[in-house]
PDB file of all heavy atoms in Angstrom:
ATOM      1  N   TRP A   1      85.171  65.700  86.624  1.00  0.00           N
ATOM      2  CA  TRP A   1      83.785  65.477  86.947  1.00  0.00           C
ATOM      3  C   TRP A   1      83.118  66.666  87.556  1.00  0.00           C
ATOM      4  O   TRP A   1      81.942  66.896  87.280  1.00  0.00           O
ATOM      5  CB  TRP A   1      83.588  64.266  87.718  1.00  0.00           C
ATOM      6  CG  TRP A   1      84.405  64.138  88.966  1.00  0.00           C
ATOM      7  CD1 TRP A   1      84.214  64.778  90.190  1.00  0.00           C
ATOM      8  CD2 TRP A   1      85.704  63.522  89.130  1.00  0.00           C
ATOM      9  NE1 TRP A   1      85.317  64.504  90.995  1.00  0.00           N
ATOM     10  CE2 TRP A   1      86.185  63.678  90.371  1.00  0.00           C
ATOM     11  CE3 TRP A   1      86.470  62.655  88.222  1.00  0.00           C
ATOM     12  CZ2 TRP A   1      87.309  63.182  90.868  1.00  0.00           C
ATOM     13  CZ3 TRP A   1      87.586  62.133  88.702  1.00  0.00           C
ATOM     14  CH2 TRP A   1      88.060  62.393  90.010  1.00  0.00           C
ATOM     15  N   SER A   2      83.955  67.540  88.185  1.00  0.00           N
ATOM     16  CA  SER A   2      83.324  68.744  88.606  1.00  0.00           C
ATOM     17  C   SER A   2      83.009  69.671  87.487  1.00  0.00           C
ATOM     18  O   SER A   2      81.955  70.436  87.433  1.00  0.00           O
ATOM     19  CB  SER A   2      84.255  69.481  89.592  1.00  0.00           C
ATOM     20  OG  SER A   2      84.602  68.723  90.677  1.00  0.00           O
ATOM     21  N   ILE A   3      83.830  69.655  86.516  1.00  0.00           N
ATOM     22  CA  ILE A   3      83.571  70.522  85.330  1.00  0.00           C
ATOM     23  C   ILE A   3      82.405  69.790  84.566  1.00  0.00           C
ATOM     24  O   ILE A   3      81.488  70.657  84.057  1.00  0.00           O
ATOM     25  CB  ILE A   3      84.841  70.478  84.355  1.00  0.00           C
ATOM     26  CG1 ILE A   3      86.046  71.123  85.158  1.00  0.00           C
ATOM     27  CG2 ILE A   3      84.618  71.191  83.055  1.00  0.00           C
ATOM     28  CD1 ILE A   3      87.351  71.058  84.463  1.00  0.00           C
ATOM     29  N   GLU A   4      82.450  68.555  84.452  1.00  0.00           N
ATOM     30  CA  GLU A   4      81.195  68.014  83.757  1.00  0.00           C
ATOM     31  C   GLU A   4      79.927  68.316  84.468  1.00  0.00           C
ATOM     32  O   GLU A   4      78.925  68.577  83.825  1.00  0.00           O
ATOM     33  CB  GLU A   4      81.355  66.455  83.835  1.00  0.00           C
ATOM     34  CG  GLU A   4      80.311  65.646  83.033  1.00  0.00           C
ATOM     35  CD  GLU A   4      80.520  64.122  83.142  1.00  0.00           C
ATOM     36  OE1 GLU A   4      81.441  63.702  83.914  1.00  0.00           O
ATOM     37  OE2 GLU A   4      79.624  63.431  82.501  1.00  0.00           O
ATOM     38  N   LYS A   5      79.867  68.328  85.840  1.00  0.00           N
ATOM     39  CA  LYS A   5      78.682  68.650  86.557  1.00  0.00           C
ATOM     40  C   LYS A   5      78.239  70.034  86.248  1.00  0.00           C
ATOM     41  O   LYS A   5      77.069  70.364  85.915  1.00  0.00           O
ATOM     42  CB  LYS A   5      78.868  68.507  88.057  1.00  0.00           C
ATOM     43  CG  LYS A   5      77.717  68.815  88.946  1.00  0.00           C
ATOM     44  CD  LYS A   5      78.057  68.597  90.363  1.00  0.00           C
ATOM     45  CE  LYS A   5      76.824  68.878  91.230  1.00  0.00           C
ATOM     46  NZ  LYS A   5      77.190  68.631  92.703  1.00  0.00           N
ATOM     47  N   SER A   6      79.189  70.977  86.260  1.00  0.00           N
ATOM     48  CA  SER A   6      78.912  72.372  85.938  1.00  0.00           C
ATOM     49  C   SER A   6      78.431  72.578  84.478  1.00  0.00           C
ATOM     50  O   SER A   6      77.553  73.322  84.244  1.00  0.00           O
ATOM     51  CB  SER A   6      80.153  73.307  86.290  1.00  0.00           C
ATOM     52  OG  SER A   6      80.499  73.306  87.615  1.00  0.00           O
ATOM     53  N   MET A   7      79.036  71.812  83.645  1.00  0.00           N
ATOM     54  CA  MET A   7      78.690  71.876  82.228  1.00  0.00           C
ATOM     55  C   MET A   7      77.302  71.530  82.020  1.00  0.00           C
ATOM     56  O   MET A   7      76.481  72.092  81.234  1.00  0.00           O
ATOM     57  CB  MET A   7      79.542  71.062  81.356  1.00  0.00           C
ATOM     58  CG  MET A   7      79.650  71.469  79.908  1.00  0.00           C
ATOM     59  SD  MET A   7      80.608  73.077  79.722  1.00  0.00           S
ATOM     60  CE  MET A   7      82.275  72.598  80.009  1.00  0.00           C
ATOM     61  N   LYS A   8      76.779  70.462  82.743  1.00  0.00           N
ATOM     62  CA  LYS A   8      75.469  69.983  82.703  1.00  0.00           C
ATOM     63  C   LYS A   8      74.483  71.037  83.107  1.00  0.00           C
ATOM     64  O   LYS A   8      73.376  71.393  82.529  1.00  0.00           O
ATOM     65  CB  LYS A   8      75.249  68.716  83.592  1.00  0.00           C
ATOM     66  CG  LYS A   8      73.931  68.175  83.514  1.00  0.00           C
ATOM     67  CD  LYS A   8      73.832  66.940  84.489  1.00  0.00           C
ATOM     68  CE  LYS A   8      72.368  66.450  84.487  1.00  0.00           C
ATOM     69  NZ  LYS A   8      72.165  65.301  85.368  1.00  0.00           N
ATOM     70  N   ILE A   9      74.863  71.752  84.157  1.00  0.00           N
ATOM     71  CA  ILE A   9      73.988  72.791  84.697  1.00  0.00           C
ATOM     72  C   ILE A   9      73.836  73.826  83.718  1.00  0.00           C
ATOM     73  O   ILE A   9      72.692  74.492  83.395  1.00  0.00           O
ATOM     74  CB  ILE A   9      74.604  73.339  85.998  1.00  0.00           C
ATOM     75  CG1 ILE A   9      74.443  72.218  87.090  1.00  0.00           C
ATOM     76  CG2 ILE A   9      73.787  74.557  86.490  1.00  0.00           C
ATOM     77  CD1 ILE A   9      75.111  72.570  88.456  1.00  0.00           C
ATOM     78  N   VAL A  10      74.957  74.369  83.148  1.00  0.00           N
ATOM     79  CA  VAL A  10      74.929  75.534  82.122  1.00  0.00           C
ATOM     80  C   VAL A  10      74.231  75.102  80.941  1.00  0.00           C
ATOM     81  O   VAL A  10      73.467  75.937  80.228  1.00  0.00           O
ATOM     82  CB  VAL A  10      76.459  75.883  81.836  1.00  0.00           C
ATOM     83  CG1 VAL A  10      76.436  76.914  80.747  1.00  0.00           C
ATOM     84  CG2 VAL A  10      76.935  76.461  83.159  1.00  0.00           C
ATOM     85  N   LEU A  11      74.396  73.812  80.409  1.00  0.00           N
ATOM     86  CA  LEU A  11      73.720  73.430  79.167  1.00  0.00           C
ATOM     87  C   LEU A  11      72.159  73.360  79.422  1.00  0.00           C
ATOM     88  O   LEU A  11      71.454  73.825  78.531  1.00  0.00           O
ATOM     89  CB  LEU A  11      74.237  71.973  78.814  1.00  0.00           C
ATOM     90  CG  LEU A  11      75.588  71.992  78.177  1.00  0.00           C
ATOM     91  CD1 LEU A  11      76.045  70.546  78.003  1.00  0.00           C
ATOM     92  CD2 LEU A  11      75.489  72.601  76.705  1.00  0.00           C
ATOM     93  N   GLU A  12      71.725  72.916  80.575  1.00  0.00           N
ATOM     94  CA  GLU A  12      70.361  72.957  80.792  1.00  0.00           C
ATOM     95  C   GLU A  12      69.751  74.353  81.028  1.00  0.00           C
ATOM     96  O   GLU A  12      68.625  74.674  80.717  1.00  0.00           O
ATOM     97  CB  GLU A  12      70.007  72.050  82.031  1.00  0.00           C
ATOM     98  CG  GLU A  12      70.281  70.578  81.835  1.00  0.00           C
ATOM     99  CD  GLU A  12      70.104  69.792  83.121  1.00  0.00           C
ATOM    100  OE1 GLU A  12      69.913  70.347  84.175  1.00  0.00           O
ATOM    101  OE2 GLU A  12      70.116  68.546  82.959  1.00  0.00           O
ATOM    102  N   HIS A  13      70.708  75.213  81.428  1.00  0.00           N
ATOM    103  CA  HIS A  13      70.342  76.662  81.619  1.00  0.00           C
ATOM    104  C   HIS A  13      70.096  77.346  80.227  1.00  0.00           C
ATOM    105  O   HIS A  13      69.143  78.099  80.028  1.00  0.00           O
ATOM    106  CB  HIS A  13      71.345  77.321  82.408  1.00  0.00           C
ATOM    107  CG  HIS A  13      71.045  78.846  82.690  1.00  0.00           C
ATOM    108  ND1 HIS A  13      70.166  79.333  83.566  1.00  0.00           N
ATOM    109  CD2 HIS A  13      71.712  79.970  82.126  1.00  0.00           C
ATOM    110  CE1 HIS A  13      70.104  80.643  83.578  1.00  0.00           C
ATOM    111  NE2 HIS A  13      71.069  81.091  82.702  1.00  0.00           N
ATOM    112  N   VAL A  14      70.976  77.087  79.268  1.00  0.00           N
ATOM    113  CA  VAL A  14      70.908  77.769  78.060  1.00  0.00           C
ATOM    114  C   VAL A  14      70.015  77.021  76.990  1.00  0.00           C
ATOM    115  O   VAL A  14      69.340  77.684  76.147  1.00  0.00           O
ATOM    116  CB  VAL A  14      72.267  78.009  77.360  1.00  0.00           C
ATOM    117  CG1 VAL A  14      73.214  78.813  78.274  1.00  0.00           C
ATOM    118  CG2 VAL A  14      72.954  76.595  77.006  1.00  0.00           C
ATOM    119  N   GLY A  15      69.864  75.685  77.192  1.00  0.00           N
ATOM    120  CA  GLY A  15      68.870  74.908  76.392  1.00  0.00           C
ATOM    121  C   GLY A  15      69.703  74.858  74.914  1.00  0.00           C
ATOM    122  O   GLY A  15      70.795  75.246  74.628  1.00  0.00           O
ATOM    123  N   LEU A  16      68.798  74.354  73.924  1.00  0.00           N
ATOM    124  CA  LEU A  16      69.333  74.268  72.563  1.00  0.00           C
ATOM    125  C   LEU A  16      69.022  75.489  71.737  1.00  0.00           C
ATOM    126  O   LEU A  16      69.369  75.407  70.557  1.00  0.00           O
ATOM    127  CB  LEU A  16      68.617  72.912  72.007  1.00  0.00           C
ATOM    128  CG  LEU A  16      69.017  71.571  72.586  1.00  0.00           C
ATOM    129  CD1 LEU A  16      68.196  70.566  71.878  1.00  0.00           C
ATOM    130  CD2 LEU A  16      70.572  71.270  72.509  1.00  0.00           C
ATOM    131  N   GLY A  17      68.508  76.427  72.265  1.00  0.00           N
ATOM    132  CA  GLY A  17      68.001  77.601  71.497  1.00  0.00           C
ATOM    133  C   GLY A  17      69.125  78.693  71.346  1.00  0.00           C
ATOM    134  O   GLY A  17      68.861  79.816  71.038  1.00  0.00           O
ATOM    135  N   VAL A  18      70.464  78.285  71.331  1.00  0.00           N
ATOM    136  CA  VAL A  18      71.445  79.170  71.117  1.00  0.00           C
ATOM    137  C   VAL A  18      71.482  79.585  69.635  1.00  0.00           C
ATOM    138  O   VAL A  18      71.588  78.682  68.727  1.00  0.00           O
ATOM    139  CB  VAL A  18      72.887  78.604  71.503  1.00  0.00           C
ATOM    140  CG1 VAL A  18      74.007  79.579  71.186  1.00  0.00           C
ATOM    141  CG2 VAL A  18      72.826  78.376  72.938  1.00  0.00           C
ATOM    142  N   VAL A  19      71.558  80.847  69.256  1.00  0.00           N
ATOM    143  CA  VAL A  19      71.463  81.223  67.898  1.00  0.00           C
ATOM    144  C   VAL A  19      72.783  80.875  67.184  1.00  0.00           C
ATOM    145  O   VAL A  19      73.803  80.962  67.862  1.00  0.00           O
ATOM    146  CB  VAL A  19      71.197  82.829  67.709  1.00  0.00           C
ATOM    147  CG1 VAL A  19      71.374  83.228  66.376  1.00  0.00           C
ATOM    148  CG2 VAL A  19      69.805  83.074  68.284  1.00  0.00           C
ATOM    149  N   ASP A  20      72.675  80.315  66.050  1.00  0.00           N
ATOM    150  CA  ASP A  20      73.925  79.878  65.353  1.00  0.00           C
ATOM    151  C   ASP A  20      74.454  81.118  64.407  1.00  0.00           C
ATOM    152  O   ASP A  20      73.768  81.597  63.636  1.00  0.00           O
ATOM    153  CB  ASP A  20      73.700  78.789  64.387  1.00  0.00           C
ATOM    154  CG  ASP A  20      74.830  77.944  63.991  1.00  0.00           C
ATOM    155  OD1 ASP A  20      75.910  78.681  63.842  1.00  0.00           O
ATOM    156  OD2 ASP A  20      74.786  76.723  63.734  1.00  0.00           O
ATOM    157  N   PRO A  21      75.738  81.508  64.666  1.00  0.00           N
ATOM    158  CA  PRO A  21      76.301  82.608  63.807  1.00  0.00           C
ATOM    159  C   PRO A  21      76.643  82.090  62.403  1.00  0.00           C
ATOM    160  O   PRO A  21      76.761  82.992  61.490  1.00  0.00           O
ATOM    161  CB  PRO A  21      77.619  82.951  64.521  1.00  0.00           C
ATOM    162  CG  PRO A  21      77.898  81.740  65.411  1.00  0.00           C
ATOM    163  CD  PRO A  21      76.623  81.031  65.686  1.00  0.00           C
ATOM    164  N   VAL A  22      76.747  80.815  62.154  1.00  0.00           N
ATOM    165  CA  VAL A  22      77.064  80.343  60.766  1.00  0.00           C
ATOM    166  C   VAL A  22      75.629  80.229  60.080  1.00  0.00           C
ATOM    167  O   VAL A  22      74.751  79.536  60.452  1.00  0.00           O
ATOM    168  CB  VAL A  22      77.660  78.914  60.867  1.00  0.00           C
ATOM    169  CG1 VAL A  22      77.925  78.446  59.444  1.00  0.00           C
ATOM    170  CG2 VAL A  22      78.890  78.943  61.707  1.00  0.00           C
ATOM    171  N   PRO A  23      75.469  81.009  59.018  1.00  0.00           N
ATOM    172  CA  PRO A  23      74.322  80.936  58.157  1.00  0.00           C
ATOM    173  C   PRO A  23      73.859  79.582  57.737  1.00  0.00           C
ATOM    174  O   PRO A  23      74.697  78.686  57.625  1.00  0.00           O
ATOM    175  CB  PRO A  23      74.588  81.830  57.044  1.00  0.00           C
ATOM    176  CG  PRO A  23      75.720  82.722  57.490  1.00  0.00           C
ATOM    177  CD  PRO A  23      76.570  81.859  58.404  1.00  0.00           C
ATOM    178  N   ALA A  24      72.517  79.346  57.776  1.00  0.00           N
ATOM    179  CA  ALA A  24      71.935  78.062  57.332  1.00  0.00           C
ATOM    180  C   ALA A  24      72.581  77.516  56.079  1.00  0.00           C
ATOM    181  O   ALA A  24      72.902  76.286  55.933  1.00  0.00           O
ATOM    182  CB  ALA A  24      70.500  78.111  57.303  1.00  0.00           C
ATOM    183  N   ALA A  25      72.720  78.383  55.066  1.00  0.00           N
ATOM    184  CA  ALA A  25      73.182  77.981  53.749  1.00  0.00           C
ATOM    185  C   ALA A  25      74.566  77.443  53.847  1.00  0.00           C
ATOM    186  O   ALA A  25      75.029  76.369  53.321  1.00  0.00           O
ATOM    187  CB  ALA A  25      73.147  79.127  52.793  1.00  0.00           C
ATOM    188  N   VAL A  26      75.499  77.987  54.612  1.00  0.00           N
ATOM    189  CA  VAL A  26      76.837  77.586  54.860  1.00  0.00           C
ATOM    190  C   VAL A  26      76.803  76.358  55.680  1.00  0.00           C
ATOM    191  O   VAL A  26      77.538  75.357  55.355  1.00  0.00           O
ATOM    192  CB  VAL A  26      77.656  78.772  55.539  1.00  0.00           C
ATOM    193  CG1 VAL A  26      79.212  78.176  55.885  1.00  0.00           C
ATOM    194  CG2 VAL A  26      77.813  80.010  54.726  1.00  0.00           C
ATOM    195  N   ARG A  27      75.991  76.292  56.669  1.00  0.00           N
ATOM    196  CA  ARG A  27      75.866  75.057  57.515  1.00  0.00           C
ATOM    197  C   ARG A  27      75.420  73.873  56.679  1.00  0.00           C
ATOM    198  O   ARG A  27      75.982  72.764  56.892  1.00  0.00           O
ATOM    199  CB  ARG A  27      74.959  75.337  58.687  1.00  0.00           C
ATOM    200  CG  ARG A  27      74.996  74.370  59.845  1.00  0.00           C
ATOM    201  CD  ARG A  27      74.287  74.920  61.025  1.00  0.00           C
ATOM    202  NE  ARG A  27      72.927  75.274  60.857  1.00  0.00           N
ATOM    203  CZ  ARG A  27      72.299  76.276  60.889  1.00  0.00           C
ATOM    204  NH1 ARG A  27      72.924  77.381  61.175  1.00  0.00           N
ATOM    205  NH2 ARG A  27      70.991  76.423  60.770  1.00  0.00           N
ATOM    206  N   ASP A  28      74.465  74.090  55.754  1.00  0.00           N
ATOM    207  CA  ASP A  28      74.012  72.951  54.980  1.00  0.00           C
ATOM    208  C   ASP A  28      75.120  72.453  54.101  1.00  0.00           C
ATOM    209  O   ASP A  28      75.233  71.288  53.783  1.00  0.00           O
ATOM    210  CB  ASP A  28      72.751  73.334  54.222  1.00  0.00           C
ATOM    211  CG  ASP A  28      71.573  73.636  55.213  1.00  0.00           C
ATOM    212  OD1 ASP A  28      71.559  73.175  56.319  1.00  0.00           O
ATOM    213  OD2 ASP A  28      70.489  74.268  54.749  1.00  0.00           O
TER     214      ASP A  28
END
């Protein structure tokens, strides 16, 4: 749960805007 708490902080810090290295065509 300590890891879970830290993970929550880091996820909120980076947000959903992490660039995806897998190209959209491959992802689709």
